[in-house]
Amino acid sequence: MEADTLLTEVQKAVYRRILADDQPDRREAALRRESFYPHLRGQVYPRLRRVRMAFHLHRKGMVKDTVHTTVVDSVYRAGLEALRDHDYERALELLRPYGDYNTAVAFLARDYPASARVILEKEAPSPRRDYLLALAYAREGKEEKAVQHYLDACRQEPSFVHRGHLDPEIAALIRLYGLDRRDEDENL
């Protein structure tokens, strides 16, 4: 309004005086009586009343299943920190409601292989998941399934061959089933 070159300084002063009134209806009535009102109504108001419409189409009854947030889940973070600090009891206490990969790690660390297996079987297949499933099955005494998951993990990620020798349950399976010889035979 102040930059408008068609209004005189007197008209701008009148406009500012009218705007000082706190009653919107009285303001509008006073503006209508002014000689510059047609200019306001035809040139200024349309620029002030622009509306941007955004349409978000979705099907009726559709359920949104993904929520993005910038809020950090402090409980989950505390659970991960407890896991990192080898405080497995606290990690399990904090992570149990999430029922994800890290919860399964905490279950395995506390020696609850069946609970870890239930979670891991729901996870998307990956070398890490298969390796942890091998550990869970080995601890449950299901050696054939443990061997199968260990071999699947090693086929997808060769570093698990070395890792298997570090975990007592998997190392026992490697010796019992001659899995290290199997790897050598496949490389020939």
N, C-alpha and C. Protein backbone atom coordinates (compact mmCIF):
# COMPACT_ATOMS: atom_id res chain seq x y z
N MET A 1 0.83 -1.19 0.00
CA MET A 1 0.00 0.00 0.00
C MET A 1 0.88 1.25 0.00
N GLU A 2 1.92 1.23 0.82
CA GLU A 2 2.79 2.40 0.91
C GLU A 2 3.51 2.66 -0.41
N ALA A 3 3.77 1.62 -1.20
CA ALA A 3 4.48 1.77 -2.46
C ALA A 3 3.55 2.11 -3.62
N ASP A 4 2.27 2.16 -3.37
CA ASP A 4 1.29 2.46 -4.43
C ASP A 4 1.48 3.90 -4.92
N THR A 5 1.74 4.06 -6.22
CA THR A 5 2.00 5.40 -6.79
C THR A 5 0.73 6.10 -7.21
N LEU A 6 -0.41 5.43 -7.24
CA LEU A 6 -1.67 6.04 -7.66
C LEU A 6 -2.38 6.75 -6.52
N LEU A 7 -2.01 6.45 -5.28
CA LEU A 7 -2.62 7.11 -4.13
C LEU A 7 -1.75 8.28 -3.67
N THR A 8 -2.41 9.34 -3.28
CA THR A 8 -1.68 10.52 -2.78
C THR A 8 -1.29 10.27 -1.33
N GLU A 9 -0.43 11.10 -0.81
CA GLU A 9 -0.01 10.97 0.58
C GLU A 9 -1.18 11.20 1.52
N VAL A 10 -2.10 12.10 1.15
CA VAL A 10 -3.29 12.38 1.97
C VAL A 10 -4.16 11.12 2.02
N GLN A 11 -4.38 10.47 0.86
CA GLN A 11 -5.19 9.25 0.82
C GLN A 11 -4.53 8.13 1.64
N LYS A 12 -3.22 8.03 1.57
CA LYS A 12 -2.52 7.02 2.36
C LYS A 12 -2.67 7.28 3.86
N ALA A 13 -2.64 8.57 4.25
CA ALA A 13 -2.81 8.94 5.66
C ALA A 13 -4.22 8.58 6.13
N VAL A 14 -5.23 8.84 5.28
CA VAL A 14 -6.62 8.49 5.61
C VAL A 14 -6.73 6.96 5.75
N TYR A 15 -6.12 6.26 4.85
CA TYR A 15 -6.14 4.79 4.87
C TYR A 15 -5.53 4.26 6.18
N ARG A 16 -4.38 4.80 6.59
CA ARG A 16 -3.74 4.38 7.84
C ARG A 16 -4.62 4.70 9.05
N ARG A 17 -5.30 5.85 9.02
CA ARG A 17 -6.19 6.24 10.12
C ARG A 17 -7.36 5.27 10.23
N ILE A 18 -7.94 4.91 9.09
CA ILE A 18 -9.07 3.97 9.09
C ILE A 18 -8.63 2.60 9.58
N LEU A 19 -7.44 2.15 9.18
CA LEU A 19 -6.95 0.84 9.61
C LEU A 19 -6.69 0.76 11.10
N ALA A 20 -6.53 1.90 11.76
CA ALA A 20 -6.29 1.92 13.20
C ALA A 20 -7.52 1.48 13.99
N ASP A 21 -8.71 1.55 13.38
CA ASP A 21 -9.95 1.11 14.03
C ASP A 21 -9.89 -0.41 14.22
N ASP A 22 -10.24 -0.88 15.43
CA ASP A 22 -10.14 -2.31 15.71
C ASP A 22 -11.38 -3.11 15.31
N GLN A 23 -12.43 -2.44 14.82
CA GLN A 23 -13.64 -3.12 14.38
C GLN A 23 -13.61 -3.32 12.86
N PRO A 24 -13.50 -4.55 12.37
CA PRO A 24 -13.39 -4.80 10.93
C PRO A 24 -14.57 -4.26 10.12
N ASP A 25 -15.78 -4.36 10.66
CA ASP A 25 -16.96 -3.88 9.91
C ASP A 25 -16.94 -2.36 9.78
N ARG A 26 -16.58 -1.68 10.84
CA ARG A 26 -16.49 -0.21 10.78
C ARG A 26 -15.39 0.22 9.82
N ARG A 27 -14.27 -0.49 9.84
CA ARG A 27 -13.16 -0.18 8.92
C ARG A 27 -13.63 -0.29 7.48
N GLU A 28 -14.29 -1.40 7.15
CA GLU A 28 -14.74 -1.63 5.77
C GLU A 28 -15.75 -0.56 5.35
N ALA A 29 -16.68 -0.21 6.24
CA ALA A 29 -17.68 0.83 5.91
C ALA A 29 -17.00 2.17 5.67
N ALA A 30 -16.01 2.50 6.49
CA ALA A 30 -15.29 3.78 6.32
C ALA A 30 -14.51 3.78 5.01
N LEU A 31 -13.89 2.67 4.68
CA LEU A 31 -13.14 2.59 3.42
C LEU A 31 -14.07 2.73 2.22
N ARG A 32 -15.27 2.17 2.29
CA ARG A 32 -16.22 2.25 1.17
C ARG A 32 -16.62 3.70 0.87
N ARG A 33 -16.61 4.54 1.87
CA ARG A 33 -16.98 5.94 1.67
C ARG A 33 -15.88 6.78 1.03
N GLU A 34 -14.66 6.26 0.99
CA GLU A 34 -13.53 7.02 0.47
C GLU A 34 -13.48 6.96 -1.06
N SER A 35 -12.94 8.02 -1.68
CA SER A 35 -12.86 8.12 -3.14
C SER A 35 -11.89 7.10 -3.74
N PHE A 36 -10.91 6.65 -2.96
CA PHE A 36 -9.91 5.70 -3.48
C PHE A 36 -10.33 4.24 -3.32
N TYR A 37 -11.52 3.99 -2.74
CA TYR A 37 -11.99 2.62 -2.51
C TYR A 37 -12.07 1.80 -3.81
N PRO A 38 -12.58 2.33 -4.93
CA PRO A 38 -12.60 1.51 -6.16
C PRO A 38 -11.20 1.03 -6.58
N HIS A 39 -10.20 1.88 -6.36
CA HIS A 39 -8.83 1.48 -6.68
C HIS A 39 -8.40 0.32 -5.76
N LEU A 40 -8.68 0.43 -4.46
CA LEU A 40 -8.34 -0.64 -3.52
C LEU A 40 -9.04 -1.94 -3.91
N ARG A 41 -10.34 -1.81 -4.18
CA ARG A 41 -11.14 -2.99 -4.48
C ARG A 41 -10.72 -3.66 -5.79
N GLY A 42 -10.37 -2.87 -6.77
CA GLY A 42 -10.03 -3.44 -8.08
C GLY A 42 -8.57 -3.82 -8.24
N GLN A 43 -7.64 -3.13 -7.58
CA GLN A 43 -6.22 -3.36 -7.79
C GLN A 43 -5.49 -3.98 -6.59
N VAL A 44 -5.75 -3.49 -5.41
CA VAL A 44 -4.99 -3.91 -4.24
C VAL A 44 -5.57 -5.20 -3.63
N TYR A 45 -6.87 -5.22 -3.38
CA TYR A 45 -7.48 -6.38 -2.73
C TYR A 45 -7.27 -7.70 -3.49
N PRO A 46 -7.42 -7.73 -4.82
CA PRO A 46 -7.20 -9.01 -5.50
C PRO A 46 -5.79 -9.58 -5.26
N ARG A 47 -4.79 -8.71 -5.15
CA ARG A 47 -3.43 -9.20 -4.88
C ARG A 47 -3.30 -9.70 -3.45
N LEU A 48 -4.09 -9.17 -2.53
CA LEU A 48 -4.03 -9.60 -1.14
C LEU A 48 -4.80 -10.89 -0.90
N ARG A 49 -5.77 -11.16 -1.74
CA ARG A 49 -6.65 -12.29 -1.50
C ARG A 49 -6.34 -13.50 -2.36
N ARG A 50 -5.14 -13.63 -2.82
CA ARG A 50 -4.76 -14.81 -3.60
C ARG A 50 -4.76 -16.03 -2.70
N VAL A 51 -5.25 -17.13 -3.24
CA VAL A 51 -5.33 -18.37 -2.49
C VAL A 51 -4.61 -19.45 -3.28
N ARG A 52 -3.77 -20.18 -2.61
CA ARG A 52 -3.10 -21.31 -3.24
C ARG A 52 -3.82 -22.58 -2.79
N MET A 53 -4.28 -23.34 -3.76
CA MET A 53 -4.99 -24.57 -3.46
C MET A 53 -4.06 -25.76 -3.71
N ALA A 54 -4.04 -26.68 -2.78
CA ALA A 54 -3.26 -27.90 -2.95
C ALA A 54 -4.22 -29.07 -2.74
N PHE A 55 -4.25 -29.97 -3.70
CA PHE A 55 -5.13 -31.13 -3.60
C PHE A 55 -4.30 -32.36 -3.30
N HIS A 56 -4.71 -33.08 -2.30
CA HIS A 56 -4.06 -34.32 -1.93
C HIS A 56 -5.06 -35.43 -2.17
N LEU A 57 -4.86 -36.16 -3.24
CA LEU A 57 -5.81 -37.20 -3.61
C LEU A 57 -5.49 -38.50 -2.90
N HIS A 58 -6.50 -39.14 -2.42
CA HIS A 58 -6.36 -40.45 -1.81
C HIS A 58 -7.68 -41.19 -1.90
N ARG A 59 -7.61 -42.48 -1.75
CA ARG A 59 -8.82 -43.27 -1.81
C ARG A 59 -9.55 -43.19 -0.49
N LYS A 60 -10.85 -43.27 -0.55
CA LYS A 60 -11.67 -43.26 0.64
C LYS A 60 -11.34 -44.49 1.48
N GLY A 61 -11.16 -44.31 2.77
CA GLY A 61 -10.86 -45.41 3.66
C GLY A 61 -9.41 -45.86 3.65
N MET A 62 -8.58 -45.16 2.91
CA MET A 62 -7.17 -45.53 2.80
C MET A 62 -6.45 -45.21 4.12
N VAL A 63 -5.62 -46.11 4.57
CA VAL A 63 -4.89 -45.91 5.81
C VAL A 63 -3.45 -45.56 5.47
N LYS A 64 -2.98 -44.45 6.01
CA LYS A 64 -1.60 -44.06 5.80
C LYS A 64 -0.74 -44.91 6.72
N ASP A 65 0.25 -45.59 6.14
CA ASP A 65 1.05 -46.51 6.94
C ASP A 65 2.47 -46.03 7.18
N THR A 66 2.81 -44.86 6.70
CA THR A 66 4.16 -44.34 6.89
C THR A 66 4.07 -42.96 7.54
N VAL A 67 4.78 -42.79 8.61
CA VAL A 67 4.81 -41.51 9.28
C VAL A 67 6.26 -41.04 9.31
N HIS A 68 6.49 -39.85 8.82
CA HIS A 68 7.83 -39.28 8.85
C HIS A 68 7.83 -38.20 9.92
N THR A 69 8.85 -38.21 10.73
CA THR A 69 8.92 -37.23 11.79
C THR A 69 10.37 -36.80 11.98
N THR A 70 10.53 -35.60 12.47
CA THR A 70 11.88 -35.12 12.76
C THR A 70 12.17 -35.27 14.25
N VAL A 71 11.19 -35.79 15.01
CA VAL A 71 11.37 -35.98 16.44
C VAL A 71 12.13 -37.28 16.66
N VAL A 72 13.22 -37.20 17.37
CA VAL A 72 14.04 -38.36 17.64
C VAL A 72 13.38 -39.18 18.75
N ASP A 73 13.30 -40.48 18.56
CA ASP A 73 12.74 -41.37 19.56
C ASP A 73 13.81 -41.61 20.62
N SER A 74 13.71 -40.90 21.72
CA SER A 74 14.75 -40.95 22.74
C SER A 74 14.80 -42.30 23.45
N VAL A 75 13.67 -42.98 23.55
CA VAL A 75 13.66 -44.30 24.20
C VAL A 75 14.44 -45.29 23.34
N TYR A 76 14.17 -45.27 22.03
CA TYR A 76 14.86 -46.19 21.12
C TYR A 76 16.36 -45.90 21.12
N ARG A 77 16.70 -44.61 21.09
CA ARG A 77 18.12 -44.24 21.11
C ARG A 77 18.78 -44.72 22.39
N ALA A 78 18.09 -44.59 23.51
CA ALA A 78 18.64 -45.06 24.79
C ALA A 78 18.82 -46.58 24.76
N GLY A 79 17.89 -47.28 24.09
CA GLY A 79 18.03 -48.73 23.95
C GLY A 79 19.25 -49.10 23.13
N LEU A 80 19.50 -48.37 22.05
CA LEU A 80 20.68 -48.62 21.22
C LEU A 80 21.97 -48.33 22.00
N GLU A 81 21.94 -47.27 22.80
CA GLU A 81 23.12 -46.95 23.60
C GLU A 81 23.37 -48.04 24.64
N ALA A 82 22.32 -48.56 25.25
CA ALA A 82 22.47 -49.65 26.22
C ALA A 82 23.02 -50.89 25.52
N LEU A 83 22.56 -51.15 24.30
CA LEU A 83 23.07 -52.28 23.53
C LEU A 83 24.56 -52.09 23.24
N ARG A 84 24.94 -50.89 22.84
CA ARG A 84 26.34 -50.58 22.55
C ARG A 84 27.21 -50.72 23.80
N ASP A 85 26.65 -50.36 24.97
CA ASP A 85 27.39 -50.41 26.23
C ASP A 85 27.31 -51.79 26.90
N HIS A 86 26.76 -52.77 26.19
CA HIS A 86 26.64 -54.15 26.68
C HIS A 86 25.75 -54.26 27.91
N ASP A 87 24.83 -53.31 28.10
CA ASP A 87 23.85 -53.39 29.17
C ASP A 87 22.60 -54.02 28.55
N TYR A 88 22.66 -55.34 28.33
CA TYR A 88 21.64 -56.03 27.55
C TYR A 88 20.29 -56.09 28.24
N GLU A 89 20.29 -56.14 29.55
CA GLU A 89 19.02 -56.17 30.27
C GLU A 89 18.26 -54.86 30.05
N ARG A 90 18.95 -53.74 30.20
CA ARG A 90 18.30 -52.44 29.97
C ARG A 90 17.93 -52.28 28.50
N ALA A 91 18.80 -52.71 27.60
CA ALA A 91 18.51 -52.63 26.17
C ALA A 91 17.24 -53.39 25.84
N LEU A 92 17.11 -54.57 26.39
CA LEU A 92 15.92 -55.38 26.13
C LEU A 92 14.68 -54.72 26.70
N GLU A 93 14.80 -54.14 27.88
CA GLU A 93 13.68 -53.45 28.51
C GLU A 93 13.19 -52.29 27.62
N LEU A 94 14.14 -51.54 27.06
CA LEU A 94 13.79 -50.37 26.24
C LEU A 94 13.35 -50.74 24.83
N LEU A 95 13.97 -51.77 24.24
CA LEU A 95 13.72 -52.10 22.84
C LEU A 95 12.57 -53.10 22.63
N ARG A 96 12.15 -53.79 23.66
CA ARG A 96 11.12 -54.82 23.53
C ARG A 96 9.87 -54.34 22.79
N PRO A 97 9.34 -53.15 23.06
CA PRO A 97 8.12 -52.72 22.35
C PRO A 97 8.31 -52.55 20.83
N TYR A 98 9.55 -52.36 20.38
CA TYR A 98 9.79 -52.10 18.96
C TYR A 98 9.81 -53.38 18.13
N GLY A 99 10.24 -54.47 18.71
CA GLY A 99 10.24 -55.76 18.03
C GLY A 99 10.97 -55.76 16.70
N ASP A 100 12.15 -55.16 16.65
CA ASP A 100 12.90 -55.08 15.40
C ASP A 100 14.24 -55.81 15.54
N TYR A 101 15.08 -55.63 14.55
CA TYR A 101 16.39 -56.30 14.50
C TYR A 101 17.19 -56.08 15.79
N ASN A 102 17.23 -54.83 16.26
CA ASN A 102 18.01 -54.53 17.46
C ASN A 102 17.42 -55.21 18.70
N THR A 103 16.10 -55.35 18.72
CA THR A 103 15.46 -56.08 19.82
C THR A 103 15.91 -57.54 19.78
N ALA A 104 15.99 -58.11 18.58
CA ALA A 104 16.44 -59.50 18.44
C ALA A 104 17.88 -59.65 18.93
N VAL A 105 18.73 -58.68 18.64
CA VAL A 105 20.12 -58.72 19.12
C VAL A 105 20.12 -58.74 20.65
N ALA A 106 19.28 -57.90 21.27
CA ALA A 106 19.21 -57.86 22.73
C ALA A 106 18.69 -59.20 23.28
N PHE A 107 17.70 -59.79 22.62
CA PHE A 107 17.20 -61.10 23.06
C PHE A 107 18.31 -62.15 22.98
N LEU A 108 19.06 -62.16 21.89
CA LEU A 108 20.16 -63.13 21.77
C LEU A 108 21.23 -62.89 22.84
N ALA A 109 21.52 -61.63 23.11
CA ALA A 109 22.53 -61.31 24.12
C ALA A 109 22.09 -61.76 25.51
N ARG A 110 20.78 -61.75 25.78
CA ARG A 110 20.25 -62.21 27.07
C ARG A 110 19.92 -63.71 27.04
N ASP A 111 20.26 -64.37 25.91
CA ASP A 111 20.05 -65.81 25.73
C ASP A 111 18.57 -66.21 25.73
N TYR A 112 17.81 -65.46 24.93
CA TYR A 112 16.41 -65.81 24.65
C TYR A 112 16.30 -66.05 23.15
N PRO A 113 16.83 -67.17 22.65
CA PRO A 113 16.89 -67.39 21.20
C PRO A 113 15.52 -67.52 20.53
N ALA A 114 14.55 -68.10 21.22
CA ALA A 114 13.22 -68.27 20.59
C ALA A 114 12.58 -66.91 20.34
N SER A 115 12.69 -66.00 21.29
CA SER A 115 12.11 -64.66 21.11
C SER A 115 12.83 -63.92 19.99
N ALA A 116 14.14 -64.07 19.92
CA ALA A 116 14.91 -63.43 18.84
C ALA A 116 14.50 -64.01 17.50
N ARG A 117 14.35 -65.34 17.44
CA ARG A 117 13.99 -66.00 16.18
C ARG A 117 12.63 -65.51 15.66
N VAL A 118 11.66 -65.37 16.55
CA VAL A 118 10.32 -64.91 16.14
C VAL A 118 10.41 -63.54 15.47
N ILE A 119 11.20 -62.66 16.06
CA ILE A 119 11.37 -61.31 15.48
C ILE A 119 12.11 -61.39 14.15
N LEU A 120 13.20 -62.14 14.12
CA LEU A 120 14.04 -62.20 12.92
C LEU A 120 13.32 -62.83 11.74
N GLU A 121 12.44 -63.78 11.99
CA GLU A 121 11.71 -64.41 10.90
C GLU A 121 10.76 -63.43 10.21
N LYS A 122 10.39 -62.37 10.91
CA LYS A 122 9.51 -61.34 10.33
C LYS A 122 10.31 -60.27 9.57
N GLU A 123 11.61 -60.20 9.82
CA GLU A 123 12.45 -59.20 9.17
C GLU A 123 12.70 -59.58 7.70
N ALA A 124 13.00 -58.58 6.90
CA ALA A 124 13.33 -58.83 5.49
C ALA A 124 14.64 -59.62 5.41
N PRO A 125 14.73 -60.57 4.48
CA PRO A 125 15.96 -61.37 4.36
C PRO A 125 17.18 -60.48 4.11
N SER A 126 18.25 -60.79 4.80
CA SER A 126 19.52 -60.09 4.62
C SER A 126 20.61 -60.98 5.22
N PRO A 127 21.86 -60.74 4.87
CA PRO A 127 22.93 -61.56 5.46
C PRO A 127 22.98 -61.45 6.99
N ARG A 128 22.80 -60.25 7.51
CA ARG A 128 22.84 -60.05 8.96
C ARG A 128 21.70 -60.80 9.64
N ARG A 129 20.51 -60.72 9.06
CA ARG A 129 19.37 -61.43 9.62
C ARG A 129 19.61 -62.93 9.61
N ASP A 130 20.12 -63.45 8.47
CA ASP A 130 20.37 -64.89 8.35
C ASP A 130 21.42 -65.36 9.36
N TYR A 131 22.43 -64.55 9.57
CA TYR A 131 23.46 -64.93 10.53
C TYR A 131 22.88 -65.01 11.94
N LEU A 132 22.08 -64.00 12.32
CA LEU A 132 21.48 -64.04 13.65
C LEU A 132 20.48 -65.19 13.78
N LEU A 133 19.77 -65.51 12.70
CA LEU A 133 18.88 -66.67 12.73
C LEU A 133 19.68 -67.95 12.93
N ALA A 134 20.85 -68.03 12.30
CA ALA A 134 21.71 -69.20 12.50
C ALA A 134 22.09 -69.32 13.98
N LEU A 135 22.44 -68.20 14.60
CA LEU A 135 22.76 -68.23 16.03
C LEU A 135 21.57 -68.68 16.86
N ALA A 136 20.39 -68.12 16.57
CA ALA A 136 19.19 -68.47 17.33
C ALA A 136 18.87 -69.96 17.18
N TYR A 137 18.88 -70.45 15.94
CA TYR A 137 18.59 -71.87 15.72
C TYR A 137 19.64 -72.76 16.39
N ALA A 138 20.90 -72.37 16.33
CA ALA A 138 21.95 -73.16 16.98
C ALA A 138 21.71 -73.24 18.48
N ARG A 139 21.33 -72.13 19.09
CA ARG A 139 21.08 -72.12 20.54
C ARG A 139 19.84 -72.92 20.90
N GLU A 140 18.91 -73.04 19.96
CA GLU A 140 17.70 -73.84 20.20
C GLU A 140 17.94 -75.32 19.90
N GLY A 141 19.13 -75.66 19.38
CA GLY A 141 19.44 -77.04 19.06
C GLY A 141 18.92 -77.49 17.70
N LYS A 142 18.51 -76.57 16.87
CA LYS A 142 18.01 -76.88 15.52
C LYS A 142 19.17 -76.69 14.55
N GLU A 143 20.05 -77.67 14.54
CA GLU A 143 21.32 -77.54 13.84
C GLU A 143 21.16 -77.41 12.33
N GLU A 144 20.26 -78.18 11.72
CA GLU A 144 20.11 -78.14 10.26
C GLU A 144 19.70 -76.75 9.79
N LYS A 145 18.72 -76.17 10.50
CA LYS A 145 18.27 -74.82 10.13
C LYS A 145 19.39 -73.80 10.39
N ALA A 146 20.12 -74.00 11.46
CA ALA A 146 21.23 -73.09 11.78
C ALA A 146 22.28 -73.13 10.68
N VAL A 147 22.63 -74.33 10.22
CA VAL A 147 23.63 -74.47 9.16
C VAL A 147 23.13 -73.81 7.88
N GLN A 148 21.87 -74.03 7.54
CA GLN A 148 21.32 -73.45 6.31
C GLN A 148 21.37 -71.92 6.34
N HIS A 149 20.98 -71.34 7.47
CA HIS A 149 21.00 -69.87 7.57
C HIS A 149 22.43 -69.33 7.60
N TYR A 150 23.33 -70.06 8.24
CA TYR A 150 24.73 -69.63 8.25
C TYR A 150 25.29 -69.64 6.83
N LEU A 151 25.02 -70.71 6.08
CA LEU A 151 25.52 -70.79 4.69
C LEU A 151 24.89 -69.71 3.81
N ASP A 152 23.60 -69.45 4.02
CA ASP A 152 22.94 -68.37 3.27
C ASP A 152 23.60 -67.03 3.56
N ALA A 153 23.90 -66.78 4.83
CA ALA A 153 24.55 -65.52 5.21
C ALA A 153 25.93 -65.41 4.57
N CYS A 154 26.68 -66.53 4.58
CA CYS A 154 28.04 -66.53 4.01
C CYS A 154 28.02 -66.35 2.49
N ARG A 155 27.02 -66.91 1.82
CA ARG A 155 26.92 -66.74 0.36
C ARG A 155 26.67 -65.28 0.01
N GLN A 156 25.87 -64.60 0.82
CA GLN A 156 25.54 -63.20 0.55
C GLN A 156 26.63 -62.25 1.02
N GLU A 157 27.28 -62.61 2.12
CA GLU A 157 28.30 -61.74 2.70
C GLU A 157 29.47 -62.59 3.18
N PRO A 158 30.54 -62.69 2.38
CA PRO A 158 31.67 -63.58 2.71
C PRO A 158 32.34 -63.30 4.05
N SER A 159 32.21 -62.10 4.59
CA SER A 159 32.85 -61.80 5.87
C SER A 159 32.27 -62.63 7.02
N PHE A 160 31.08 -63.19 6.82
CA PHE A 160 30.49 -64.03 7.86
C PHE A 160 31.20 -65.38 8.00
N VAL A 161 31.97 -65.77 7.00
CA VAL A 161 32.77 -67.01 7.12
C VAL A 161 33.73 -66.85 8.29
N HIS A 162 34.45 -65.74 8.33
CA HIS A 162 35.39 -65.47 9.43
C HIS A 162 34.63 -65.26 10.73
N ARG A 163 33.53 -64.52 10.67
CA ARG A 163 32.74 -64.22 11.88
C ARG A 163 32.24 -65.52 12.52
N GLY A 164 31.89 -66.52 11.71
CA GLY A 164 31.39 -67.78 12.23
C GLY A 164 32.36 -68.47 13.16
N HIS A 165 33.66 -68.30 12.91
CA HIS A 165 34.68 -68.92 13.77
C HIS A 165 34.78 -68.24 15.12
N LEU A 166 34.23 -67.02 15.25
CA LEU A 166 34.32 -66.26 16.49
C LEU A 166 33.17 -66.56 17.45
N ASP A 167 32.04 -67.01 16.93
CA ASP A 167 30.89 -67.33 17.77
C ASP A 167 30.92 -68.82 18.11
N PRO A 168 30.92 -69.16 19.40
CA PRO A 168 31.07 -70.57 19.79
C PRO A 168 30.03 -71.50 19.17
N GLU A 169 28.77 -71.05 19.09
CA GLU A 169 27.72 -71.92 18.54
C GLU A 169 27.97 -72.21 17.07
N ILE A 170 28.33 -71.18 16.32
CA ILE A 170 28.55 -71.35 14.88
C ILE A 170 29.86 -72.10 14.65
N ALA A 171 30.89 -71.81 15.44
CA ALA A 171 32.18 -72.51 15.31
C ALA A 171 31.98 -74.01 15.54
N ALA A 172 31.13 -74.37 16.50
CA ALA A 172 30.86 -75.79 16.75
C ALA A 172 30.18 -76.43 15.53
N LEU A 173 29.27 -75.72 14.89
CA LEU A 173 28.61 -76.23 13.68
C LEU A 173 29.61 -76.36 12.52
N ILE A 174 30.50 -75.42 12.42
CA ILE A 174 31.51 -75.45 11.36
C ILE A 174 32.36 -76.71 11.50
N ARG A 175 32.78 -76.99 12.75
CA ARG A 175 33.59 -78.20 12.99
C ARG A 175 32.76 -79.47 12.78
N LEU A 176 31.54 -79.48 13.33
CA LEU A 176 30.70 -80.68 13.29
C LEU A 176 30.32 -81.07 11.86
N TYR A 177 30.00 -80.09 11.04
CA TYR A 177 29.54 -80.36 9.66
C TYR A 177 30.65 -80.13 8.63
N GLY A 178 31.84 -79.79 9.06
CA GLY A 178 32.94 -79.58 8.12
C GLY A 178 32.67 -78.43 7.16
N LEU A 179 32.04 -77.38 7.66
CA LEU A 179 31.65 -76.27 6.78
C LEU A 179 32.85 -75.52 6.23
N ASP A 180 33.95 -75.49 6.96
CA ASP A 180 35.13 -74.80 6.42
C ASP A 180 35.72 -75.59 5.25
N ARG A 181 35.63 -76.91 5.30
CA ARG A 181 36.09 -77.71 4.16
C ARG A 181 35.16 -77.53 2.97
N ARG A 182 33.87 -77.38 3.24
CA ARG A 182 32.90 -77.16 2.17
C ARG A 182 33.23 -75.87 1.42
N ASP A 183 33.62 -74.83 2.17
CA ASP A 183 34.00 -73.57 1.55
C ASP A 183 35.22 -73.73 0.67
N GLU A 184 36.20 -74.53 1.17
CA GLU A 184 37.42 -74.75 0.37
C GLU A 184 37.09 -75.53 -0.89
N ASP A 185 36.18 -76.52 -0.78
CA ASP A 185 35.80 -77.33 -1.95
C ASP A 185 35.10 -76.48 -3.00
N GLU A 186 34.25 -75.53 -2.53
CA GLU A 186 33.53 -74.66 -3.48
C GLU A 186 34.48 -73.71 -4.20
N ASN A 187 35.59 -73.34 -3.55
CA ASN A 187 36.53 -72.40 -4.17
C ASN A 187 37.45 -73.08 -5.18
N LEU A 188 37.49 -74.41 -5.19
CA LEU A 188 38.37 -75.12 -6.14
C LEU A 188 37.85 -75.06 -7.54
